[in-house]
Protein backbone atom coordinates (compact mmCIF):
# COMPACT_ATOMS: atom_id res chain seq x y z
CA MET A 1 18.11 7.68 17.50
CA ILE A 2 18.73 3.98 16.75
CA GLU A 3 18.20 1.70 19.72
CA ALA A 4 21.42 -0.13 20.78
CA PRO A 5 19.97 -3.68 20.62
CA ILE A 6 19.03 -3.08 16.97
CA GLU A 7 22.44 -1.78 16.11
CA ALA A 8 24.29 -4.65 17.92
CA PHE A 9 22.13 -7.49 16.82
CA TRP A 10 24.22 -8.89 13.87
CA ALA A 11 27.46 -8.66 15.75
CA GLU A 12 25.92 -10.85 18.47
CA TRP A 13 24.30 -13.14 15.87
CA GLU A 14 27.66 -13.82 14.25
CA GLN A 15 29.05 -14.97 17.59
CA GLU A 16 26.19 -17.45 18.29
CA SER A 17 26.02 -21.04 17.12
CA ASP A 18 22.21 -21.46 17.51
CA HIS A 19 20.50 -19.11 15.08
CA SER A 20 16.82 -19.15 16.12
CA GLU A 21 14.17 -18.18 13.61
CA ASP A 22 12.03 -16.84 16.48
CA LYS A 23 14.84 -14.53 17.54
CA LEU A 24 15.30 -13.32 13.92
CA ARG A 25 11.55 -12.72 13.59
CA LEU A 26 11.42 -10.58 16.72
CA TYR A 27 14.42 -8.60 15.56
CA THR A 28 12.84 -8.13 12.11
CA LEU A 29 9.65 -6.94 13.67
CA SER A 30 11.58 -4.39 15.87
CA VAL A 31 13.43 -2.99 12.91
CA VAL A 32 10.33 -2.71 10.74
CA GLU A 33 8.47 -0.90 13.48
CA ALA A 34 11.39 1.44 14.04
CA VAL A 35 11.57 2.16 10.29
CA LYS A 36 7.80 2.95 10.21
CA ARG A 37 8.07 5.29 13.24
CA ALA A 38 11.04 7.07 11.65
CA ALA A 39 9.11 7.47 8.38
CA GLN A 40 5.97 8.83 10.15
CA ASP A 41 8.19 11.43 11.88
CA GLY A 42 9.84 12.33 8.51
CA ASP A 43 13.20 11.20 9.78
CA TRP A 44 14.46 9.74 6.47
CA PRO A 45 18.15 9.73 7.57
CA ALA A 46 17.20 7.29 10.39
CA VAL A 47 15.24 5.16 7.88
CA GLY A 48 18.43 5.00 5.78
CA ARG A 49 20.52 3.99 8.73
CA LEU A 50 18.12 1.30 9.79
CA GLU A 51 17.94 -0.05 6.20
CA ARG A 52 21.73 -0.34 6.16
CA LEU A 53 21.91 -1.94 9.54
CA TYR A 54 19.28 -4.57 8.49
CA ALA A 55 21.03 -5.17 5.12
CA ALA A 56 24.23 -6.10 7.04
CA GLY A 57 22.57 -9.32 8.03
CA ALA A 58 21.71 -10.57 4.53
CA SER A 59 24.77 -12.90 4.42
CA PHE A 60 23.66 -14.66 7.62
CA CYS A 61 20.19 -15.51 6.18
CA GLN A 62 20.87 -17.25 2.91
CA GLU A 63 19.18 -20.55 3.87
CA GLU A 64 15.61 -21.44 4.79
CA PRO A 65 13.84 -20.82 7.01
CA LEU A 66 15.82 -17.73 7.97
CA ARG A 67 15.83 -16.41 4.43
CA SER A 68 12.09 -16.01 4.18
CA THR A 69 11.85 -14.34 7.60
CA TYR A 70 14.74 -11.98 6.69
CA GLU A 71 13.22 -11.20 3.27
CA THR A 72 9.84 -10.33 4.71
CA GLY A 73 11.43 -7.60 6.83
CA ASP A 74 13.42 -6.35 3.87
CA PHE A 75 10.19 -6.15 1.73
CA HIS A 76 8.44 -4.15 4.55
CA ILE A 77 11.37 -1.72 4.84
CA CYS A 78 11.61 -1.16 1.04
CA LEU A 79 7.84 -0.68 0.85
CA THR A 80 7.97 2.03 3.58
CA ILE A 81 10.67 3.76 1.58
CA ALA A 82 8.60 3.47 -1.62
CA ASP A 83 5.59 5.04 0.16
CA GLY A 84 7.91 7.87 1.32
CA CYS A 85 9.16 8.32 -2.31
CA PHE A 86 5.62 8.79 -3.43
CA LEU A 87 4.85 11.37 -0.78
CA ALA A 88 8.08 13.17 -1.94
CA HIS A 89 6.71 13.14 -5.56
CA ASP A 90 9.53 10.80 -6.74
CA LEU A 91 7.25 8.72 -8.92
CA LYS A 92 10.00 6.85 -10.74
CA ARG A 93 11.67 5.50 -7.59
CA THR A 94 8.25 4.72 -6.15
CA TRP A 95 7.41 2.63 -9.26
CA ASP A 96 10.82 0.96 -9.39
CA LEU A 97 10.70 -0.03 -5.69
CA ALA A 98 7.11 -1.28 -5.71
CA TYR A 99 7.51 -3.22 -9.00
CA GLY A 100 10.80 -4.68 -7.66
CA ILE A 101 9.13 -5.86 -4.40
CA MET A 102 6.41 -7.60 -6.45
CA GLN A 103 9.02 -9.41 -8.50
CA SER A 104 10.87 -10.42 -5.40
CA LEU A 105 7.72 -11.72 -3.80
CA ASP A 106 6.94 -13.86 -6.86
CA SER A 107 10.58 -15.15 -6.89
CA ALA A 108 10.30 -16.01 -3.24
CA ASP A 109 7.07 -17.95 -3.83
CA MET A 110 8.83 -19.96 -6.64
CA ARG A 111 11.83 -20.78 -4.41
CA ARG A 112 9.67 -21.96 -1.50
CA SER A 113 7.59 -24.11 -3.86
CA LYS A 114 10.71 -25.82 -5.27
CA LEU A 115 11.79 -26.49 -1.71
CA GLY A 116 8.39 -28.05 -0.88
CA MET A 117 7.54 -25.19 1.58
CA PRO A 118 4.14 -23.59 1.86
CA SER A 119 3.59 -20.28 0.15
CA ARG A 120 3.39 -17.10 2.15
CA PRO A 121 0.46 -14.98 1.08
CA ASN A 122 2.02 -11.67 1.92
CA SER A 123 -1.33 -10.13 0.92
CA GLU A 124 -0.82 -6.79 2.79
CA LEU A 125 2.53 -6.32 1.08
CA ARG A 126 1.05 -7.14 -2.32
CA VAL A 127 -1.98 -4.81 -1.84
CA VAL A 128 0.23 -1.83 -1.02
CA CYS A 129 2.69 -2.56 -3.82
CA LEU A 130 -0.02 -2.77 -6.44
CA GLY A 131 -1.73 0.26 -4.94
CA LEU A 132 1.41 2.32 -5.25
CA LEU A 133 1.81 1.27 -8.88
CA ALA A 134 -1.74 2.43 -9.45
CA CYS A 135 -0.89 5.84 -7.80
CA CYS A 136 2.05 6.36 -10.12
CA PHE A 137 -0.04 5.50 -13.19
CA PHE A 138 -2.83 7.83 -12.11
CA GLU A 139 -0.38 10.63 -11.78
CA ASP A 140 1.53 9.83 -14.95
CA SER A 141 0.20 7.32 -17.49
CA ASN A 142 3.51 7.12 -19.24
CA PHE A 143 5.01 4.71 -16.68
CA CYS A 144 3.74 1.64 -18.52
CA THR A 145 1.38 0.56 -21.28
CA LEU A 146 -2.36 0.25 -20.77
CA ASP A 147 -2.06 -3.55 -20.95
CA VAL A 148 0.58 -3.65 -18.23
CA MET A 149 -1.54 -1.56 -15.91
CA ARG A 150 -4.62 -3.66 -16.63
CA GLY A 151 -2.56 -6.62 -15.46
CA VAL A 152 -1.67 -4.77 -12.27
CA VAL A 153 -5.33 -4.09 -11.67
CA ARG A 154 -6.44 -7.70 -12.27
CA ARG A 155 -3.62 -8.84 -9.91
CA PHE A 156 -4.87 -6.48 -7.25
CA TRP A 157 -8.40 -7.90 -7.43
CA GLN A 158 -7.09 -11.40 -7.15
CA VAL A 159 -4.87 -10.56 -4.13
CA ALA A 160 -7.70 -8.51 -2.39
CA ASP A 161 -10.22 -11.30 -2.93
CA LYS A 162 -7.86 -13.84 -1.40
CA PHE A 163 -6.98 -11.50 1.46
CA GLN A 164 -10.62 -10.89 2.19
CA MET A 165 -11.35 -14.67 2.17
CA ASN A 166 -8.47 -15.29 4.66
CA LEU A 167 -9.74 -12.57 6.90
CA ALA A 168 -13.13 -14.25 7.01
CA ALA A 169 -11.59 -17.24 8.96
CA ASP A 170 -13.03 -17.86 12.39
CA HIS A 171 -9.65 -17.36 14.17
CA VAL A 172 -9.24 -13.78 12.91
CA ARG A 173 -10.07 -11.29 15.56
CA PRO A 174 -13.05 -8.96 14.50
CA GLU A 175 -11.12 -5.77 15.28
CA PHE A 176 -8.19 -6.98 13.16
CA ARG A 177 -10.55 -8.04 10.33
CA GLU A 178 -12.20 -4.67 10.30
CA SER A 179 -8.87 -2.80 10.29
CA MET A 180 -7.51 -4.87 7.42
CA LEU A 181 -10.70 -4.51 5.31
CA HIS A 182 -10.41 -0.80 5.79
CA HIS A 183 -6.81 -1.01 4.76
CA ILE A 184 -7.81 -2.86 1.60
CA GLY A 185 -10.39 -0.18 0.93
CA ILE A 186 -7.87 2.60 1.12
CA TRP A 187 -5.69 1.04 -1.56
CA GLU A 188 -8.60 -0.29 -3.65
CA LEU A 189 -9.81 3.28 -4.06
CA LYS A 190 -6.44 4.08 -5.64
CA ILE A 191 -7.02 1.23 -8.01
CA CYS A 192 -10.40 2.65 -8.94
CA LYS A 193 -8.87 6.01 -9.70
CA CYS A 194 -6.25 4.47 -11.83
CA CYS A 195 -9.00 2.61 -13.75
CA LEU A 196 -10.37 5.92 -14.87
CA ARG A 197 -7.46 5.92 -17.26
CA LEU A 198 -8.03 2.45 -18.48
CA GLY A 199 -11.43 2.83 -20.27
CA ASN A 200 -15.11 2.45 -19.36
CA GLU A 201 -15.03 -1.27 -18.81
CA PHE A 202 -12.28 -1.25 -16.24
CA ALA A 203 -13.75 1.81 -14.60
CA ALA A 204 -17.15 0.19 -14.25
CA ARG A 205 -15.65 -3.07 -12.98
CA SER A 206 -13.59 -1.29 -10.45
CA ILE A 207 -16.60 0.53 -9.04
CA ARG A 208 -18.42 -2.81 -8.75
CA ALA A 209 -15.51 -4.38 -6.96
CA PHE A 210 -15.08 -1.57 -4.60
CA ASN A 211 -18.71 -1.23 -3.68
CA GLU A 212 -19.20 -5.02 -3.14
CA ARG A 213 -16.30 -4.86 -0.64
CA ASN A 214 -16.94 -1.56 1.04
CA GLY A 215 -20.55 -0.50 0.45
CA GLU A 216 -22.24 1.66 -2.12
CA HIS A 217 -19.87 4.64 -2.25
CA LEU A 218 -18.66 5.14 -5.86
CA PHE A 219 -20.70 6.01 -9.02
CA PRO A 220 -19.85 6.39 -12.62
CA GLY A 221 -20.29 9.56 -14.56
CA TYR A 222 -18.36 12.86 -14.62
CA ARG A 223 -19.55 15.30 -11.85
CA HIS A 224 -21.95 12.82 -10.29
CA PHE A 225 -22.05 15.10 -7.25
CA LYS A 226 -24.18 17.43 -9.39
CA SER A 227 -26.84 14.88 -9.79
CA GLY A 228 -28.26 15.48 -6.33
CA MET A 229 -27.20 14.97 -2.73
CA ASN A 230 -28.09 11.77 -0.91
CA GLU A 231 -26.58 9.63 1.86
CA THR A 232 -23.82 8.29 -0.48
CA SER A 233 -22.36 11.81 -0.71
CA THR A 234 -21.52 11.69 2.96
CA SER A 235 -18.44 9.59 2.37
CA ALA A 236 -14.77 10.47 2.02
CA TRP A 237 -14.50 7.57 -0.47
CA TYR A 238 -17.17 9.25 -2.61
CA TRP A 239 -15.61 12.74 -2.60
CA ASP A 240 -12.06 11.39 -3.28
CA TYR A 241 -13.35 9.55 -6.37
CA GLU A 242 -15.34 12.53 -7.64
CA LEU A 243 -12.25 14.66 -7.25
CA ALA A 244 -10.18 12.15 -9.25
CA LYS A 245 -12.63 12.45 -12.17
CA LEU A 246 -12.12 16.21 -12.16
CA ILE A 247 -8.35 15.93 -11.96
CA LEU A 248 -8.25 13.92 -15.15
CA GLU A 249 -10.66 16.38 -16.97
CA PRO A 250 -8.57 19.17 -18.48
CA ASP A 251 -11.28 21.89 -18.42
CA SER A 252 -12.70 21.07 -14.95
CA ASP A 253 -13.68 23.93 -12.63
CA PRO A 254 -11.08 24.67 -9.88
CA LEU A 255 -13.92 25.70 -7.61
CA GLU A 256 -15.56 22.28 -7.95
CA LYS A 257 -12.17 20.64 -7.21
CA GLN A 258 -12.00 22.69 -4.01
CA VAL A 259 -15.52 21.59 -3.02
CA CYS A 260 -14.60 18.02 -3.46
CA GLU A 261 -11.40 18.49 -1.46
CA GLN A 262 -13.21 20.14 1.38
CA ASN A 263 -16.00 17.56 1.52
CA ARG A 264 -13.36 14.74 1.32
CA LEU A 265 -11.53 16.04 4.39
CA ALA A 266 -14.72 16.82 6.28
CA TYR A 267 -16.13 13.30 5.95
CA ALA A 268 -12.72 11.66 6.37
CA ARG A 269 -12.53 13.29 9.84
CA LEU A 270 -15.82 11.54 10.69
CA THR A 271 -14.78 8.23 9.12
CA PHE A 272 -11.14 7.64 9.84
CA GLY A 273 -8.95 7.43 13.02
CA GLY A 274 -6.11 9.88 13.67
CA SER A 275 -3.30 7.85 12.16
CA SER A 276 -5.21 6.81 9.17
CA LEU A 277 -6.36 10.35 8.52
CA LYS A 278 -2.78 11.63 8.84
CA MET A 279 -1.64 9.04 6.26
CA LEU A 280 -4.40 9.92 3.86
CA MET A 281 -3.88 13.56 4.12
CA LYS A 282 -0.14 13.14 3.25
CA SER A 283 -1.16 11.00 0.30
CA TRP A 284 -3.70 13.59 -0.85
CA GLU A 285 -1.15 16.34 -0.63
CA ALA A 286 1.28 14.35 -2.74
CA SER A 287 -1.28 13.71 -5.36
CA SER A 288 -2.27 17.35 -5.61
CA SER A 289 1.25 18.48 -5.83
CA ALA A 290 2.67 15.81 -8.19
């Protein structure tokens, strides 16, 4: 059910003379949260209704600073839908939405620069968009050329490095910093799996980048888990990456895939909180079914 204040907001806004950016920001946050809750519940009709309600306000937000605030909400809504499309195995729409958001973010940066306004990093949005593009390419390498995907990967590393640097600032709460670094790690692992399709140089570089940010979890070499068990094997990151190697190998043993899946889930339950685990399990199910 859509909350009445959300549904009535634009009608009230049209009647007001003082359009406050703070009021728009609070409304945007409430809609984005409602969209995310509906998506988590699998209520996609509600997501569609909320998207249409929010879109009704575009004509009221054509000038800055309202335009940037409105756009940010629109990007988050579209990204939630893109993530849902991936979970539903609709790779083409996932790709189109994520790629479109990246283009819109870049266009918004250029517009703000021309107006003399500071850029908005939107690092979290970019990390997820680029991660979704990597997911699509891992499932189906026909979405783009190798050079295009290498550009996506390089862009991810740039965004993630800047995001991590911003999180290191003294004013960032430690619990928020830890949560966001974990968030980067989830998407960076998808980049690493994508790099398995991009040749040895990119695969090796992705492993180094991931391990520098998240600890020594990933290793090169097909069926590394057969080289001997050690503390690195007690990681969901490790087993997810080992499984990805098997998925891309045409003659891999189904039983070995099953072992990797079981260990990934077992260690994920020890590593991740309930909401993160639920999200990861949905993503794993989508990857195994696509």
